[in-house]
Protein backbone atom coordinates (compact mmCIF):
# COMPACT_ATOMS: atom_id res chain seq x y z
CA MET A 1 -9.86 -32.73 6.93
CA LYS A 2 -8.46 -29.65 6.08
CA ASP A 3 -7.17 -29.58 2.48
CA ASN A 4 -3.63 -30.66 3.91
CA GLY A 5 -5.06 -33.96 4.95
CA LEU A 6 -3.61 -33.34 8.40
CA GLU A 7 -6.47 -32.36 10.58
CA ILE A 8 -9.93 -33.23 11.16
CA ILE A 9 -12.43 -30.39 11.37
CA TYR A 10 -14.97 -30.25 14.63
CA SER A 11 -18.11 -28.68 14.34
CA ASP A 12 -18.39 -25.89 17.37
CA ASP A 13 -21.52 -27.50 18.60
CA ASN A 14 -19.71 -31.22 18.66
CA PRO A 15 -21.15 -31.89 21.94
CA ALA A 16 -18.45 -34.63 22.73
CA ILE A 17 -15.35 -33.67 21.27
CA GLU A 18 -13.26 -30.07 20.52
CA LYS A 19 -10.60 -28.68 19.15
CA ASP A 20 -7.77 -26.30 20.30
CA ASP A 21 -5.90 -25.14 17.12
CA ASP A 22 -2.86 -23.53 18.98
CA LYS A 23 -1.70 -26.69 20.25
CA CYS A 24 -2.39 -28.50 17.27
CA ILE A 25 1.04 -29.41 15.11
CA GLU A 26 -0.58 -30.92 12.16
CA CYS A 27 0.78 -34.18 13.17
CA GLY A 28 -2.09 -36.28 11.10
CA TYR A 29 -2.83 -38.83 14.21
CA CYS A 30 -6.59 -37.32 14.16
CA VAL A 31 -6.75 -38.16 10.47
CA LYS A 32 -5.26 -41.66 10.73
CA ALA A 33 -7.63 -42.58 13.47
CA CYS A 34 -11.10 -41.25 11.80
CA ARG A 35 -9.99 -41.93 8.40
CA ASP A 36 -8.22 -45.54 8.88
CA GLU A 37 -9.45 -46.95 11.97
CA VAL A 38 -12.97 -45.27 12.46
CA THR A 39 -13.62 -44.93 8.71
CA VAL A 40 -15.71 -42.19 9.31
CA ALA A 41 -13.62 -39.53 7.11
CA LYS A 42 -13.63 -41.77 3.98
CA MET A 43 -17.17 -42.14 3.92
CA TYR A 44 -18.33 -38.90 3.05
CA ASP A 45 -17.47 -35.67 0.77
CA ILE A 46 -17.34 -32.33 3.28
CA ASN A 47 -18.07 -30.40 -0.24
CA LYS A 48 -21.20 -31.97 0.26
CA THR A 49 -22.02 -32.20 3.86
CA LYS A 50 -21.11 -28.61 4.16
CA LYS A 51 -20.01 -29.43 7.56
CA PRO A 52 -17.98 -32.15 9.49
CA ILE A 53 -19.56 -35.88 10.44
CA CYS A 54 -18.66 -37.32 13.76
CA ILE A 55 -19.87 -40.32 15.33
CA HIS A 56 -17.79 -38.64 18.88
CA CYS A 57 -16.13 -42.03 19.56
CA GLY A 58 -13.05 -40.27 20.50
CA GLN A 59 -10.15 -42.35 18.92
CA CYS A 60 -8.79 -39.17 17.26
CA THR A 61 -8.39 -37.59 21.21
CA ASN A 62 -6.20 -40.98 22.11
CA LEU A 63 -3.66 -40.46 19.37
CA CYS A 64 -3.31 -36.57 19.69
CA PRO A 65 -0.17 -35.99 21.26
CA THR A 66 -0.42 -32.57 22.62
CA GLU A 67 -4.27 -32.38 24.13
CA ALA A 68 -5.23 -30.12 20.61
CA VAL A 69 -7.89 -32.67 20.47
CA HIS A 70 -9.77 -33.71 23.36
CA GLU A 71 -13.15 -34.16 25.14
CA ARG A 72 -15.37 -31.68 26.06
CA LEU A 73 -14.97 -31.08 29.87
CA ASP A 74 -17.56 -31.30 32.33
CA TYR A 75 -15.68 -32.04 35.55
CA LEU A 76 -15.60 -28.52 36.43
CA LYS A 77 -19.07 -28.05 35.95
CA VAL A 78 -19.75 -30.94 38.27
CA LYS A 79 -17.26 -29.98 40.68
CA SER A 80 -19.21 -26.88 41.18
CA GLU A 81 -22.49 -28.71 41.54
CA LEU A 82 -21.03 -30.75 44.63
CA GLU A 83 -20.96 -27.46 46.48
CA ARG A 84 -24.81 -27.47 46.56
CA LYS A 85 -26.99 -28.50 49.53
CA ASP A 86 -29.97 -28.50 48.02
CA ILE A 87 -29.86 -31.55 45.91
CA VAL A 88 -28.84 -34.96 45.92
CA LYS A 89 -26.00 -36.51 43.95
CA THR A 90 -25.75 -39.64 42.67
CA ILE A 91 -22.95 -41.23 40.02
CA SER A 92 -22.84 -44.25 38.24
CA ILE A 93 -19.31 -45.97 37.15
CA ALA A 94 -19.37 -47.93 34.10
CA PRO A 95 -17.25 -51.45 33.74
CA ALA A 96 -14.48 -50.46 31.59
CA VAL A 97 -13.77 -47.23 34.20
CA ARG A 98 -12.47 -49.27 37.22
CA VAL A 99 -9.81 -51.45 35.20
CA ALA A 100 -8.02 -48.70 33.63
CA ILE A 101 -8.33 -45.51 36.32
CA GLY A 102 -5.20 -47.22 38.12
CA GLU A 103 -2.49 -46.59 35.57
CA ALA A 104 -3.20 -42.85 36.28
CA PHE A 105 -1.58 -43.65 39.56
CA SER A 106 0.97 -45.95 39.02
CA LEU A 107 -1.33 -49.10 40.05
CA GLY A 108 -1.66 -51.07 36.96
CA GLU A 109 -5.14 -52.50 35.17
CA GLU A 110 -6.49 -54.11 38.37
CA ASN A 111 -10.33 -53.70 39.51
CA TYR A 112 -10.23 -50.59 41.78
CA GLU A 113 -14.15 -50.02 41.88
CA GLY A 114 -13.53 -50.08 45.65
CA LYS A 115 -10.92 -47.10 45.84
CA ILE A 116 -13.07 -44.85 43.28
CA VAL A 117 -16.38 -45.41 45.75
CA SER A 118 -14.52 -44.17 48.71
CA GLY A 119 -12.94 -41.09 46.44
CA LEU A 120 -16.47 -40.03 45.25
CA LYS A 121 -18.47 -40.25 48.53
CA LYS A 122 -15.51 -38.29 50.11
CA ILE A 123 -15.64 -35.50 47.57
CA GLY A 124 -19.57 -35.13 48.03
CA PHE A 125 -21.50 -38.03 46.00
CA ASP A 126 -24.31 -39.00 47.97
CA TYR A 127 -24.68 -42.59 46.21
CA VAL A 128 -22.37 -43.96 44.11
CA PHE A 129 -23.86 -46.87 41.70
CA ASP A 130 -22.32 -49.64 39.39
CA ILE A 131 -23.62 -49.27 35.69
CA THR A 132 -22.97 -53.15 35.71
CA PHE A 133 -26.31 -53.08 37.19
CA GLY A 134 -27.44 -51.19 34.18
CA ALA A 135 -25.86 -53.49 32.02
CA ASP A 136 -27.74 -56.55 33.53
CA LEU A 137 -30.76 -54.82 33.07
CA THR A 138 -29.75 -54.32 29.21
CA ILE A 139 -29.50 -58.32 29.00
CA MET A 140 -32.38 -58.86 30.44
CA GLU A 141 -34.08 -56.84 27.86
CA GLU A 142 -31.83 -57.59 25.26
CA ALA A 143 -31.49 -61.34 25.59
CA MET A 144 -35.48 -61.53 25.54
CA GLU A 145 -35.72 -59.55 22.74
CA LEU A 146 -33.38 -61.95 20.76
CA VAL A 147 -35.37 -64.73 22.00
CA ASN A 148 -38.60 -63.14 20.84
CA ARG A 149 -37.30 -62.23 17.42
CA ILE A 150 -36.03 -65.88 17.05
CA LYS A 151 -39.31 -67.35 18.19
CA ASN A 152 -41.67 -65.04 16.16
CA LYS A 153 -39.61 -64.63 13.00
CA GLY A 154 -38.59 -61.34 13.56
CA ILE A 155 -35.74 -59.08 11.98
CA LEU A 156 -32.51 -61.18 11.89
CA PRO A 157 -29.43 -60.34 12.67
CA MET A 158 -30.13 -58.66 15.27
CA PHE A 159 -27.30 -56.07 16.37
CA THR A 160 -26.33 -54.69 19.69
CA SER A 161 -27.30 -51.12 20.14
CA CYS A 162 -25.49 -50.50 23.33
CA CYS A 163 -22.30 -48.88 21.50
CA PRO A 164 -23.60 -44.98 20.85
CA ALA A 165 -20.75 -44.40 18.51
CA TRP A 166 -21.75 -47.63 16.22
CA VAL A 167 -25.65 -46.36 16.51
CA GLN A 168 -24.56 -43.28 15.32
CA TYR A 169 -22.32 -44.79 12.28
CA ALA A 170 -25.49 -47.03 11.29
CA GLU A 171 -28.30 -44.11 11.40
CA ILE A 172 -25.54 -42.13 8.95
CA PHE A 173 -24.08 -45.09 6.68
CA TYR A 174 -26.19 -48.00 6.74
CA PRO A 175 -29.63 -47.16 7.60
CA GLU A 176 -30.74 -49.66 6.09
CA PHE A 177 -29.86 -51.91 9.12
CA LEU A 178 -31.89 -49.59 11.80
CA PRO A 179 -34.30 -52.27 11.95
CA ASN A 180 -31.87 -55.19 13.18
CA LEU A 181 -30.73 -52.86 16.02
CA SER A 182 -31.85 -53.98 19.22
CA SER A 183 -34.24 -51.49 20.47
CA CYS A 184 -32.61 -51.94 23.90
CA LYS A 185 -31.05 -48.62 25.48
CA SER A 186 -27.62 -48.97 26.45
CA PRO A 187 -26.72 -49.53 30.18
CA ILE A 188 -25.75 -46.21 30.89
CA THR A 189 -29.23 -44.74 29.87
CA MET A 190 -30.82 -47.53 31.42
CA GLN A 191 -29.47 -46.95 34.58
CA SER A 192 -30.11 -43.28 34.43
CA THR A 193 -33.57 -43.83 33.79
CA MET A 194 -33.73 -46.09 36.65
CA ILE A 195 -32.49 -43.38 39.04
CA LYS A 196 -34.65 -40.87 38.24
CA THR A 197 -37.45 -43.14 38.11
CA TYR A 198 -37.50 -46.38 40.28
CA PHE A 199 -35.22 -45.03 42.63
CA SER A 200 -36.29 -41.62 43.19
CA GLU A 201 -40.06 -43.19 44.13
CA LYS A 202 -38.38 -45.66 46.29
CA GLU A 203 -36.32 -42.83 48.04
CA LYS A 204 -38.91 -40.74 48.08
CA ILE A 205 -36.45 -38.43 46.38
CA ASP A 206 -38.00 -35.74 43.73
CA ALA A 207 -36.43 -36.41 40.55
CA SER A 208 -36.06 -32.92 39.80
CA LYS A 209 -33.67 -32.76 42.81
CA ILE A 210 -31.54 -35.73 41.83
CA LEU A 211 -28.19 -34.24 40.02
CA ASN A 212 -27.20 -37.49 38.08
CA VAL A 213 -23.82 -38.07 36.55
CA VAL A 214 -22.10 -41.11 34.66
CA VAL A 215 -18.66 -41.77 34.33
CA ALA A 216 -17.61 -43.80 31.10
CA PRO A 217 -14.88 -44.58 29.20
CA CYS A 218 -16.44 -43.13 26.31
CA THR A 219 -17.05 -39.69 24.60
CA ALA A 220 -19.81 -40.96 22.96
CA LYS A 221 -21.77 -40.74 25.84
CA LYS A 222 -21.60 -37.02 25.93
CA LYS A 223 -24.07 -37.21 22.89
CA GLU A 224 -26.29 -40.00 23.62
CA VAL A 225 -27.29 -38.75 26.93
CA LYS A 226 -28.73 -35.85 24.63
CA ARG A 227 -30.76 -37.96 22.71
CA LYS A 228 -34.34 -36.88 23.52
CA GLU A 229 -35.81 -40.47 22.53
CA ILE A 230 -33.61 -41.70 25.50
CA ASN A 231 -34.89 -39.58 28.27
CA ARG A 232 -37.78 -41.12 29.97
CA ALA A 233 -38.11 -39.55 33.56
CA SER A 234 -40.01 -36.16 32.25
CA ASP A 235 -42.44 -38.24 30.78
CA TYR A 236 -42.80 -40.70 33.47
CA PHE A 237 -43.62 -38.12 36.02
CA LYS A 238 -45.19 -35.81 33.41
CA ILE A 239 -42.82 -32.93 34.52
CA SER A 240 -41.14 -31.01 32.17
CA GLY A 241 -37.05 -30.20 32.46
CA ILE A 242 -35.70 -33.55 34.11
CA ASN A 243 -32.64 -35.13 32.07
CA ASP A 244 -32.10 -38.74 32.99
CA THR A 245 -28.75 -38.03 32.90
CA ASP A 246 -27.24 -34.61 33.65
CA TYR A 247 -23.40 -34.99 32.91
CA VAL A 248 -20.95 -37.55 31.68
CA LEU A 249 -17.70 -37.69 32.26
CA THR A 250 -14.69 -39.42 31.00
CA THR A 251 -12.20 -41.76 32.69
CA ARG A 252 -9.72 -38.92 32.16
CA GLU A 253 -12.06 -36.41 33.76
CA LEU A 254 -12.92 -38.53 36.60
CA ILE A 255 -8.76 -38.76 37.40
CA SER A 256 -8.88 -34.90 36.97
CA LEU A 257 -11.89 -34.66 39.41
CA LEU A 258 -10.17 -36.64 42.28
CA ASN A 259 -6.81 -35.16 41.93
CA GLU A 260 -8.28 -31.15 41.76
CA SER A 261 -10.07 -32.46 44.74
CA ASN A 262 -6.90 -33.31 46.75
CA ILE A 263 -7.87 -37.10 46.97
CA ASP A 264 -4.79 -39.38 47.80
CA PHE A 265 -6.26 -42.53 45.38
CA ASN A 266 -3.65 -44.78 46.26
CA SER A 267 -4.38 -44.36 50.22
CA LEU A 268 -7.92 -44.62 49.62
CA PRO A 269 -10.09 -47.64 51.53
CA SER A 270 -12.17 -49.67 49.73
CA LYS A 271 -16.15 -48.89 49.77
CA GLU A 272 -19.14 -51.16 48.44
CA PHE A 273 -21.43 -49.77 46.16
CA SER A 274 -24.45 -47.99 46.99
CA SER A 275 -27.88 -50.02 46.74
CA PRO A 276 -30.61 -50.34 44.95
CA LEU A 277 -28.83 -50.18 41.74
CA GLY A 278 -26.07 -51.60 43.20
CA LYS A 279 -23.07 -53.81 41.91
CA GLY A 280 -24.36 -56.09 38.96
CA SER A 281 -23.16 -59.50 38.07
CA SER A 282 -19.87 -60.61 36.50
CA ALA A 283 -21.64 -60.94 33.11
CA GLY A 284 -22.51 -57.27 33.40
CA LEU A 285 -18.98 -56.53 33.81
CA LEU A 286 -18.15 -57.82 30.58
CA PHE A 287 -19.63 -55.08 28.76
CA GLY A 288 -16.25 -53.21 29.08
CA LYS A 289 -14.75 -55.75 26.75
CA THR A 290 -15.01 -56.75 23.03
CA GLY A 291 -17.68 -59.93 23.11
CA GLY A 292 -18.42 -59.19 26.41
CA VAL A 293 -22.30 -57.93 25.52
CA MET A 294 -22.60 -61.01 23.25
CA GLU A 295 -21.31 -63.46 25.92
CA ALA A 296 -23.66 -61.98 28.90
CA ALA A 297 -26.60 -62.23 26.29
CA LEU A 298 -25.82 -65.66 25.26
CA ARG A 299 -25.95 -66.89 29.43
CA THR A 300 -29.03 -65.21 29.81
CA ALA A 301 -30.64 -66.24 26.29
CA TYR A 302 -30.20 -69.82 27.28
CA TYR A 303 -32.09 -69.73 30.63
CA PHE A 304 -34.85 -67.67 28.58
CA LEU A 305 -34.59 -70.54 25.67
CA ASN A 306 -34.36 -73.59 27.94
CA GLY A 307 -35.92 -72.65 31.72
CA LYS A 308 -32.72 -73.33 33.36
CA ASP A 309 -29.24 -72.02 33.74
CA LEU A 310 -26.10 -73.15 32.07
CA GLU A 311 -23.93 -75.66 33.58
CA GLU A 312 -20.77 -74.01 35.54
CA ASP A 313 -18.19 -75.14 33.03
CA ALA A 314 -20.31 -73.78 30.20
CA ILE A 315 -20.94 -70.08 31.26
CA LYS A 316 -17.87 -69.34 29.64
CA PHE A 317 -18.47 -69.08 26.14
CA ASP A 318 -14.47 -69.10 24.89
CA GLU A 319 -15.83 -69.04 20.84
CA VAL A 320 -16.72 -65.40 21.41
CA ARG A 321 -13.50 -64.14 23.22
CA GLY A 322 -10.54 -62.89 21.54
CA ILE A 323 -9.45 -59.62 20.13
CA GLU A 324 -9.34 -60.51 16.35
CA GLY A 325 -11.43 -57.64 13.97
CA VAL A 326 -14.27 -60.08 13.49
CA ARG A 327 -15.01 -63.20 15.15
CA GLU A 328 -17.74 -66.01 14.12
CA ALA A 329 -19.10 -69.01 15.92
CA THR A 330 -22.03 -71.15 15.54
CA LEU A 331 -23.06 -71.98 19.14
CA ASP A 332 -25.78 -74.63 20.65
CA LEU A 333 -28.32 -73.13 22.95
CA GLY A 334 -30.07 -76.16 23.44
CA LYS A 335 -33.38 -75.27 21.71
CA VAL A 336 -31.79 -73.33 18.98
CA THR A 337 -28.25 -73.08 17.31
CA LEU A 338 -27.18 -69.81 17.23
CA ARG A 339 -24.92 -67.89 14.45
CA VAL A 340 -23.11 -65.24 16.07
CA ALA A 341 -20.28 -62.60 14.98
CA ILE A 342 -18.50 -60.26 17.25
CA VAL A 343 -16.83 -56.74 15.48
CA ASN A 344 -13.92 -55.63 17.28
CA GLY A 345 -13.51 -51.77 15.62
CA MET A 346 -15.41 -49.84 13.21
CA LYS A 347 -13.06 -50.46 10.57
CA TYR A 348 -13.89 -54.02 10.60
CA ALA A 349 -17.94 -53.63 10.50
CA VAL A 350 -18.00 -52.18 6.93
CA SER A 351 -16.75 -55.26 5.41
CA LEU A 352 -19.10 -57.34 7.42
CA LEU A 353 -22.20 -55.09 6.63
CA GLU A 354 -21.29 -55.31 2.90
CA LYS A 355 -20.92 -59.12 2.86
CA ILE A 356 -24.52 -59.38 5.27
CA LYS A 357 -25.87 -56.96 2.19
CA LYS A 358 -24.41 -59.26 -0.51
CA LYS A 359 -25.67 -62.33 1.43
CA GLU A 360 -22.28 -63.83 1.68
CA VAL A 361 -22.67 -64.54 5.14
CA ASP A 362 -25.95 -65.02 7.65
CA TYR A 363 -26.13 -64.51 11.30
CA ASP A 364 -28.53 -64.26 14.46
CA PHE A 365 -26.63 -62.05 16.27
CA ILE A 366 -24.22 -59.53 15.72
CA GLU A 367 -22.10 -57.45 18.50
CA VAL A 368 -20.45 -54.22 17.18
CA MET A 369 -17.94 -52.32 19.07
CA SER A 370 -16.95 -49.00 17.67
CA CYS A 371 -13.61 -49.17 19.56
CA SER A 372 -11.22 -51.92 19.56
CA TYR A 373 -10.61 -54.21 22.70
CA GLY A 374 -13.94 -52.79 23.26
CA CYS A 375 -15.05 -50.02 26.26
CA VAL A 376 -11.73 -50.63 27.81
CA GLY A 377 -10.24 -49.24 24.38
CA GLY A 378 -12.66 -46.02 24.50
CA GLY A 379 -11.98 -42.71 23.60
CA GLY A 380 -12.17 -41.34 27.07
CA GLU A 381 -9.84 -43.49 28.85
CA PRO A 382 -6.07 -42.82 30.10
CA LYS A 383 -4.15 -41.86 27.15
CA LEU A 384 -1.66 -44.38 26.21
CA THR A 385 1.73 -44.29 23.75
CA LEU A 386 1.76 -46.02 20.68
CA LEU A 387 4.01 -48.53 21.98
CA GLU A 388 2.00 -48.86 25.11
CA MET A 389 -1.61 -49.07 23.84
CA LYS A 390 -1.93 -52.64 22.82
CA GLU A 391 -0.65 -54.61 26.06
CA ARG A 392 -2.33 -52.10 28.37
CA LYS A 393 -5.71 -52.40 26.42
CA LYS A 394 -4.99 -56.17 26.71
CA SER A 395 -4.26 -55.91 30.06
CA ARG A 396 -7.77 -54.19 31.10
CA LEU A 397 -9.60 -56.67 28.81
CA GLU A 398 -7.92 -59.56 30.78
CA SER A 399 -8.93 -57.80 34.16
CA ILE A 400 -12.49 -57.73 33.41
CA GLU A 401 -12.29 -62.00 32.25
CA LYS A 402 -10.54 -62.41 35.68
CA GLU A 403 -13.13 -60.62 37.49
CA ASP A 404 -15.55 -62.96 35.71
CA LYS A 405 -14.13 -65.93 36.59
CA ILE A 406 -14.09 -65.62 40.50
CA ALA A 407 -17.66 -64.04 40.77
CA LYS A 408 -20.08 -65.72 42.61
CA ILE A 409 -22.74 -64.36 40.27
CA ARG A 410 -22.04 -64.75 36.72
CA LEU A 411 -25.34 -64.52 35.25
CA CYS A 412 -27.38 -61.31 35.31
CA HIS A 413 -30.70 -62.85 35.59
CA GLN A 414 -29.32 -64.22 39.02
CA ASN A 415 -28.68 -60.67 40.54
CA PRO A 416 -31.20 -60.24 43.52
CA GLU A 417 -31.28 -56.61 43.09
CA ILE A 418 -32.42 -57.31 39.28
CA LYS A 419 -35.20 -59.63 40.29
CA GLU A 420 -36.55 -57.10 42.85
CA ILE A 421 -36.59 -54.19 40.61
CA TYR A 422 -38.62 -56.58 37.55
CA GLU A 423 -40.94 -57.63 40.77
CA LYS A 424 -41.65 -54.15 42.25
CA PHE A 425 -41.39 -51.93 39.25
CA LEU A 426 -40.73 -53.54 35.91
CA GLU A 427 -43.01 -56.59 36.03
CA THR A 428 -41.21 -58.82 33.40
CA PRO A 429 -38.67 -58.34 30.18
CA SER A 430 -40.47 -56.81 27.48
CA SER A 431 -43.53 -56.09 29.58
CA LYS A 432 -45.22 -52.41 28.65
CA LYS A 433 -43.77 -50.51 31.41
CA ALA A 434 -40.33 -52.17 30.21
CA LYS A 435 -40.70 -50.80 27.12
CA GLN A 436 -41.56 -47.69 27.53
CA LEU A 437 -38.46 -47.30 29.88
CA LEU A 438 -35.90 -49.02 28.82
CA HIS A 439 -36.05 -49.37 25.01
CA THR A 440 -35.61 -46.33 22.15
CA SER A 441 -35.70 -46.11 18.17
CA PHE A 442 -32.92 -44.93 16.11
CA THR A 443 -33.57 -42.56 13.08
CA ASP A 444 -32.21 -42.65 9.37
CA LYS A 445 -29.72 -39.79 9.38
CA SER A 446 -28.17 -40.33 5.88
CA TYR A 447 -29.95 -36.78 4.92
CA LEU A 448 -26.37 -35.64 6.50
CA LEU A 449 -24.45 -37.06 3.53
CA ARG A 450 -26.36 -34.92 1.39
CA GLY A 451 -25.65 -31.59 3.58
CA GLU A 452 -29.46 -31.42 4.64
CA GLU A 453 -30.53 -30.65 8.15
CA HIS A 454 -33.57 -32.25 9.73
CA GLU A 455 -33.26 -32.11 13.50
């Protein structure tokens, strides 16, 4: 923050967020977001760090009324790349994008994935994939990891690791909990690795000739995809210079890309996602909301533990649904009883982490989402006024839950394309190949608090 306490300072090399000082009116909303909601601004002393610390969540961009603070814009670069004839253009859509994009076209918070697919193919993408496939893949690995930790008396509680802002927060402020994080990469980074390896081989496309774009509700993904440890295609093919993800666009950038390509979104027909890596299960879609990763994991963990699926009337876990800052539940999963917690927003994570350190609470599995309401409230979603914010985020969340209720495939492990990718490529969850491509590692970055530079 600046001395007047009304502005957040951003590094020039911040890969996710940038600021136009000429537009800043010193309203203090960015400070409120970073200090009070995300808590980052009050977790360090800039006199010691010498430079600002950011977890790239983008909540400051959501509250900035003048667009002074905004995500780093990559959509014009993507638009230029679409003119190339020498590459194959792929793009993947995250769950929370489809239930928020309609707001920009006065269509509300229903699921508009079909129109998104249609629009993206119209402007030049060859393949449009669904990241709910990547979410299903994440659950196959994460649920198995949880079961293995329980059976083998591994480190518990296990924390989810699909939210890159939360991962960055833990690395900087709570590195003692890094062994507790699931080693699974996020759905986006798993999906991108599969596009540049499995899809590349299956379709006989040179991975270096694939332009791979992701649309996410999250600004932190712009930073996450630059982490060296999550990019695996170069190692897989033993060729340097291949990035698993080439660009991340926010939902807002997707809206700009469609508008500036003269796409009439409202009149678009509905089209299906491309295959393979096509549409995932509704459990994967739940990743877009708070409690969704937990619920999806529980559904498949039950299968791994008991060798059978949950009964239809037991698939929905009401105990983990809701919007409270911290939700707790004790759940009967057949052979085991799990104590779980769901954190909805970073400001609630600190108190829970401190309670765990003091051994005041005890859990087996914890979901943490940096943004309130989960990804539907992400830093790259369509902007809302303070008066709209609560109701619109709730409507986005409810739209996802509605889709789950009517879906034919509600369990990640029942997705036919997930079964196929394990049979033909990955073998089994937690196999050597799966760990090589779908898992990652984390780094103690508390040195940043001391003003040191290790990277």
